[in-house]
Amino acid sequence: MKQNKHACTYPQCGWSFKRFEHLKRHMLVHSGERPHGCPYPGCGKRFSRTDNFHAHYRTH
């Protein structure tokens, strides 16, 4: 089995990725950064990834 070349350096995480972009996206989990806020009145939910934000927003 081929090993992924971009490993997460966060202690005891163990995740690795084939593409650097995917590692970068994954690191948002550890940083807690959530720059995408739902503008729906009274919602207040925030997301680290735009795809998760868009999926959520469609539920309103």
PDB file of N, CA and C in Angstrom:
ATOM      1  N   MET A   1       0.848  -1.187   0.000  1.00  0.00           N
ATOM      2  CA  MET A   1       0.000   0.000   0.000  1.00  0.00           C
ATOM      3  C   MET A   1       0.890   1.245   0.000  1.00  0.00           C
ATOM      4  N   LYS A   2       0.596   2.175  -0.851  1.00  0.00           N
ATOM      5  CA  LYS A   2       1.375   3.405  -0.948  1.00  0.00           C
ATOM      6  C   LYS A   2       1.029   4.352   0.200  1.00  0.00           C
ATOM      7  N   GLN A   3       2.076   4.932   0.790  1.00  0.00           N
ATOM      8  CA  GLN A   3       1.872   5.844   1.907  1.00  0.00           C
ATOM      9  C   GLN A   3       1.663   7.267   1.383  1.00  0.00           C
ATOM     10  N   ASN A   4       0.748   7.991   2.002  1.00  0.00           N
ATOM     11  CA  ASN A   4       0.518   9.385   1.635  1.00  0.00           C
ATOM     12  C   ASN A   4       1.707  10.217   2.073  1.00  0.00           C
ATOM     13  N   LYS A   5       2.037  11.226   1.273  1.00  0.00           N
ATOM     14  CA  LYS A   5       3.265  11.970   1.556  1.00  0.00           C
ATOM     15  C   LYS A   5       3.089  13.232   2.385  1.00  0.00           C
ATOM     16  N   HIS A   6       1.868  13.632   2.686  1.00  0.00           N
ATOM     17  CA  HIS A   6       1.636  14.845   3.481  1.00  0.00           C
ATOM     18  C   HIS A   6       0.960  14.448   4.794  1.00  0.00           C
ATOM     19  N   ALA A   7       1.763  14.344   5.845  1.00  0.00           N
ATOM     20  CA  ALA A   7       1.260  13.887   7.142  1.00  0.00           C
ATOM     21  C   ALA A   7       0.954  15.066   8.054  1.00  0.00           C
ATOM     22  N   CYS A   8      -0.101  14.922   8.829  1.00  0.00           N
ATOM     23  CA  CYS A   8      -0.459  15.924   9.828  1.00  0.00           C
ATOM     24  C   CYS A   8       0.549  15.847  10.970  1.00  0.00           C
ATOM     25  N   THR A   9       1.060  16.999  11.379  1.00  0.00           N
ATOM     26  CA  THR A   9       2.067  17.043  12.440  1.00  0.00           C
ATOM     27  C   THR A   9       1.457  17.269  13.823  1.00  0.00           C
ATOM     28  N   TYR A  10       0.150  17.367  13.894  1.00  0.00           N
ATOM     29  CA  TYR A  10      -0.508  17.564  15.182  1.00  0.00           C
ATOM     30  C   TYR A  10      -0.310  16.307  16.033  1.00  0.00           C
ATOM     31  N   PRO A  11       0.051  16.451  17.321  1.00  0.00           N
ATOM     32  CA  PRO A  11       0.315  15.287  18.174  1.00  0.00           C
ATOM     33  C   PRO A  11      -0.837  14.286  18.197  1.00  0.00           C
ATOM     34  N   GLN A  12      -0.532  13.042  17.981  1.00  0.00           N
ATOM     35  CA  GLN A  12      -1.448  11.905  18.029  1.00  0.00           C
ATOM     36  C   GLN A  12      -2.596  11.983  17.029  1.00  0.00           C
ATOM     37  N   CYS A  13      -2.422  12.711  15.935  1.00  0.00           N
ATOM     38  CA  CYS A  13      -3.480  12.781  14.924  1.00  0.00           C
ATOM     39  C   CYS A  13      -3.409  11.565  13.998  1.00  0.00           C
ATOM     40  N   GLY A  14      -2.288  11.383  13.331  1.00  0.00           N
ATOM     41  CA  GLY A  14      -2.121  10.212  12.482  1.00  0.00           C
ATOM     42  C   GLY A  14      -2.674  10.305  11.074  1.00  0.00           C
ATOM     43  N   TRP A  15      -3.369  11.373  10.721  1.00  0.00           N
ATOM     44  CA  TRP A  15      -3.909  11.508   9.379  1.00  0.00           C
ATOM     45  C   TRP A  15      -2.805  11.896   8.405  1.00  0.00           C
ATOM     46  N   SER A  16      -2.912  11.395   7.163  1.00  0.00           N
ATOM     47  CA  SER A  16      -2.002  11.802   6.096  1.00  0.00           C
ATOM     48  C   SER A  16      -2.789  11.873   4.794  1.00  0.00           C
ATOM     49  N   PHE A  17      -2.263  12.647   3.862  1.00  0.00           N
ATOM     50  CA  PHE A  17      -3.001  12.963   2.640  1.00  0.00           C
ATOM     51  C   PHE A  17      -2.099  12.891   1.420  1.00  0.00           C
ATOM     52  N   LYS A  18      -2.673  12.562   0.281  1.00  0.00           N
ATOM     53  CA  LYS A  18      -1.928  12.548  -0.973  1.00  0.00           C
ATOM     54  C   LYS A  18      -1.635  13.957  -1.457  1.00  0.00           C
ATOM     55  N   ARG A  19      -2.550  14.861  -1.191  1.00  0.00           N
ATOM     56  CA  ARG A  19      -2.408  16.234  -1.691  1.00  0.00           C
ATOM     57  C   ARG A  19      -2.225  17.210  -0.536  1.00  0.00           C
ATOM     58  N   PHE A  20      -1.309  18.168  -0.724  1.00  0.00           N
ATOM     59  CA  PHE A  20      -1.036  19.174   0.293  1.00  0.00           C
ATOM     60  C   PHE A  20      -2.283  19.999   0.595  1.00  0.00           C
ATOM     61  N   GLU A  21      -3.103  20.267  -0.417  1.00  0.00           N
ATOM     62  CA  GLU A  21      -4.322  21.056  -0.228  1.00  0.00           C
ATOM     63  C   GLU A  21      -5.254  20.384   0.771  1.00  0.00           C
ATOM     64  N   HIS A  22      -5.296  19.059   0.738  1.00  0.00           N
ATOM     65  CA  HIS A  22      -6.166  18.330   1.655  1.00  0.00           C
ATOM     66  C   HIS A  22      -5.626  18.389   3.084  1.00  0.00           C
ATOM     67  N   LEU A  23      -4.305  18.355   3.228  1.00  0.00           N
ATOM     68  CA  LEU A  23      -3.706  18.516   4.556  1.00  0.00           C
ATOM     69  C   LEU A  23      -4.007  19.905   5.099  1.00  0.00           C
ATOM     70  N   LYS A  24      -3.883  20.912   4.248  1.00  0.00           N
ATOM     71  CA  LYS A  24      -4.151  22.288   4.662  1.00  0.00           C
ATOM     72  C   LYS A  24      -5.597  22.433   5.143  1.00  0.00           C
ATOM     73  N   ARG A  25      -6.530  21.854   4.406  1.00  0.00           N
ATOM     74  CA  ARG A  25      -7.946  21.885   4.783  1.00  0.00           C
ATOM     75  C   ARG A  25      -8.154  21.151   6.105  1.00  0.00           C
ATOM     76  N   HIS A  26      -7.485  20.017   6.275  1.00  0.00           N
ATOM     77  CA  HIS A  26      -7.595  19.227   7.500  1.00  0.00           C
ATOM     78  C   HIS A  26      -7.094  19.996   8.716  1.00  0.00           C
ATOM     79  N   MET A  27      -6.047  20.781   8.562  1.00  0.00           N
ATOM     80  CA  MET A  27      -5.448  21.499   9.688  1.00  0.00           C
ATOM     81  C   MET A  27      -6.420  22.493  10.325  1.00  0.00           C
ATOM     82  N   LEU A  28      -7.453  22.897   9.610  1.00  0.00           N
ATOM     83  CA  LEU A  28      -8.469  23.779  10.183  1.00  0.00           C
ATOM     84  C   LEU A  28      -9.192  23.105  11.350  1.00  0.00           C
ATOM     85  N   VAL A  29      -9.242  21.790  11.336  1.00  0.00           N
ATOM     86  CA  VAL A  29      -9.858  21.040  12.430  1.00  0.00           C
ATOM     87  C   VAL A  29      -9.106  21.317  13.732  1.00  0.00           C
ATOM     88  N   HIS A  30      -7.787  21.338  13.649  1.00  0.00           N
ATOM     89  CA  HIS A  30      -6.960  21.531  14.836  1.00  0.00           C
ATOM     90  C   HIS A  30      -6.865  22.993  15.260  1.00  0.00           C
ATOM     91  N   SER A  31      -6.929  23.902  14.303  1.00  0.00           N
ATOM     92  CA  SER A  31      -6.785  25.326  14.637  1.00  0.00           C
ATOM     93  C   SER A  31      -8.067  25.906  15.224  1.00  0.00           C
ATOM     94  N   GLY A  32      -9.206  25.280  14.911  1.00  0.00           N
ATOM     95  CA  GLY A  32     -10.484  25.783  15.396  1.00  0.00           C
ATOM     96  C   GLY A  32     -11.001  26.974  14.597  1.00  0.00           C
ATOM     97  N   GLU A  33     -10.290  27.336  13.543  1.00  0.00           N
ATOM     98  CA  GLU A  33     -10.684  28.476  12.710  1.00  0.00           C
ATOM     99  C   GLU A  33     -11.982  28.153  11.966  1.00  0.00           C
ATOM    100  N   ARG A  34     -12.946  29.062  12.043  1.00  0.00           N
ATOM    101  CA  ARG A  34     -14.235  28.897  11.363  1.00  0.00           C
ATOM    102  C   ARG A  34     -14.629  30.232  10.728  1.00  0.00           C
ATOM    103  N   PRO A  35     -14.019  30.548   9.591  1.00  0.00           N
ATOM    104  CA  PRO A  35     -14.228  31.863   8.986  1.00  0.00           C
ATOM    105  C   PRO A  35     -15.554  32.047   8.247  1.00  0.00           C
ATOM    106  N   HIS A  36     -16.286  30.963   7.983  1.00  0.00           N
ATOM    107  CA  HIS A  36     -17.512  31.056   7.188  1.00  0.00           C
ATOM    108  C   HIS A  36     -18.738  31.016   8.097  1.00  0.00           C
ATOM    109  N   GLY A  37     -19.346  32.177   8.310  1.00  0.00           N
ATOM    110  CA  GLY A  37     -20.515  32.275   9.179  1.00  0.00           C
ATOM    111  C   GLY A  37     -21.809  32.282   8.390  1.00  0.00           C
ATOM    112  N   CYS A  38     -22.827  31.646   8.912  1.00  0.00           N
ATOM    113  CA  CYS A  38     -24.135  31.616   8.268  1.00  0.00           C
ATOM    114  C   CYS A  38     -24.826  32.964   8.463  1.00  0.00           C
ATOM    115  N   PRO A  39     -25.222  33.615   7.362  1.00  0.00           N
ATOM    116  CA  PRO A  39     -25.862  34.921   7.472  1.00  0.00           C
ATOM    117  C   PRO A  39     -27.360  34.853   7.772  1.00  0.00           C
ATOM    118  N   TYR A  40     -27.913  33.643   7.844  1.00  0.00           N
ATOM    119  CA  TYR A  40     -29.340  33.506   8.103  1.00  0.00           C
ATOM    120  C   TYR A  40     -29.660  34.088   9.482  1.00  0.00           C
ATOM    121  N   PRO A  41     -30.685  34.935   9.586  1.00  0.00           N
ATOM    122  CA  PRO A  41     -31.016  35.579  10.868  1.00  0.00           C
ATOM    123  C   PRO A  41     -31.233  34.574  12.003  1.00  0.00           C
ATOM    124  N   GLY A  42     -30.514  34.761  13.084  1.00  0.00           N
ATOM    125  CA  GLY A  42     -30.663  33.921  14.260  1.00  0.00           C
ATOM    126  C   GLY A  42     -29.921  32.597  14.230  1.00  0.00           C
ATOM    127  N   CYS A  43     -29.233  32.290  13.151  1.00  0.00           N
ATOM    128  CA  CYS A  43     -28.553  30.996  13.054  1.00  0.00           C
ATOM    129  C   CYS A  43     -27.237  30.996  13.840  1.00  0.00           C
ATOM    130  N   GLY A  44     -26.284  31.796  13.430  1.00  0.00           N
ATOM    131  CA  GLY A  44     -25.026  31.908  14.156  1.00  0.00           C
ATOM    132  C   GLY A  44     -24.030  30.779  13.979  1.00  0.00           C
ATOM    133  N   LYS A  45     -24.339  29.769  13.165  1.00  0.00           N
ATOM    134  CA  LYS A  45     -23.388  28.670  12.960  1.00  0.00           C
ATOM    135  C   LYS A  45     -22.215  29.144  12.114  1.00  0.00           C
ATOM    136  N   ARG A  46     -21.028  28.559  12.383  1.00  0.00           N
ATOM    137  CA  ARG A  46     -19.816  28.910  11.651  1.00  0.00           C
ATOM    138  C   ARG A  46     -19.149  27.624  11.169  1.00  0.00           C
ATOM    139  N   PHE A  47     -18.416  27.736  10.062  1.00  0.00           N
ATOM    140  CA  PHE A  47     -17.815  26.568   9.430  1.00  0.00           C
ATOM    141  C   PHE A  47     -16.385  26.855   8.997  1.00  0.00           C
ATOM    142  N   SER A  48     -15.553  25.825   9.046  1.00  0.00           N
ATOM    143  CA  SER A  48     -14.170  25.973   8.614  1.00  0.00           C
ATOM    144  C   SER A  48     -14.047  25.795   7.104  1.00  0.00           C
ATOM    145  N   ARG A  49     -14.987  25.070   6.504  1.00  0.00           N
ATOM    146  CA  ARG A  49     -14.918  24.795   5.065  1.00  0.00           C
ATOM    147  C   ARG A  49     -16.133  25.373   4.349  1.00  0.00           C
ATOM    148  N   THR A  50     -15.885  25.906   3.154  1.00  0.00           N
ATOM    149  CA  THR A  50     -16.984  26.500   2.384  1.00  0.00           C
ATOM    150  C   THR A  50     -18.000  25.450   1.952  1.00  0.00           C
ATOM    151  N   ASP A  51     -17.560  24.235   1.622  1.00  0.00           N
ATOM    152  CA  ASP A  51     -18.516  23.212   1.191  1.00  0.00           C
ATOM    153  C   ASP A  51     -19.475  22.845   2.319  1.00  0.00           C
ATOM    154  N   ASN A  52     -18.989  22.788   3.538  1.00  0.00           N
ATOM    155  CA  ASN A  52     -19.877  22.516   4.677  1.00  0.00           C
ATOM    156  C   ASN A  52     -20.834  23.680   4.925  1.00  0.00           C
ATOM    157  N   PHE A  53     -20.337  24.899   4.758  1.00  0.00           N
ATOM    158  CA  PHE A  53     -21.199  26.073   4.903  1.00  0.00           C
ATOM    159  C   PHE A  53     -22.325  26.044   3.873  1.00  0.00           C
ATOM    160  N   HIS A  54     -21.995  25.786   2.611  1.00  0.00           N
ATOM    161  CA  HIS A  54     -23.017  25.784   1.557  1.00  0.00           C
ATOM    162  C   HIS A  54     -24.047  24.670   1.779  1.00  0.00           C
ATOM    163  N   ALA A  55     -23.595  23.504   2.207  1.00  0.00           N
ATOM    164  CA  ALA A  55     -24.529  22.408   2.494  1.00  0.00           C
ATOM    165  C   ALA A  55     -25.476  22.805   3.623  1.00  0.00           C
ATOM    166  N   HIS A  56     -24.956  23.466   4.639  1.00  0.00           N
ATOM    167  CA  HIS A  56     -25.785  23.926   5.751  1.00  0.00           C
ATOM    168  C   HIS A  56     -26.775  24.988   5.295  1.00  0.00           C
ATOM    169  N   TYR A  57     -26.295  25.950   4.527  1.00  0.00           N
ATOM    170  CA  TYR A  57     -27.137  27.083   4.133  1.00  0.00           C
ATOM    171  C   TYR A  57     -28.341  26.628   3.307  1.00  0.00           C
ATOM    172  N   ARG A  58     -28.169  25.558   2.547  1.00  0.00           N
ATOM    173  CA  ARG A  58     -29.286  25.036   1.742  1.00  0.00           C
ATOM    174  C   ARG A  58     -30.407  24.485   2.621  1.00  0.00           C
ATOM    175  N   THR A  59     -30.127  24.212   3.891  1.00  0.00           N
ATOM    176  CA  THR A  59     -31.169  23.682   4.777  1.00  0.00           C
ATOM    177  C   THR A  59     -32.129  24.763   5.260  1.00  0.00           C
ATOM    178  N   HIS A  60     -31.771  26.026   5.082  1.00  0.00           N
ATOM    179  CA  HIS A  60     -32.640  27.110   5.560  1.00  0.00           C
ATOM    180  C   HIS A  60     -33.760  27.305   4.591  1.00  0.00           C
TER     181      HIS A  60
END
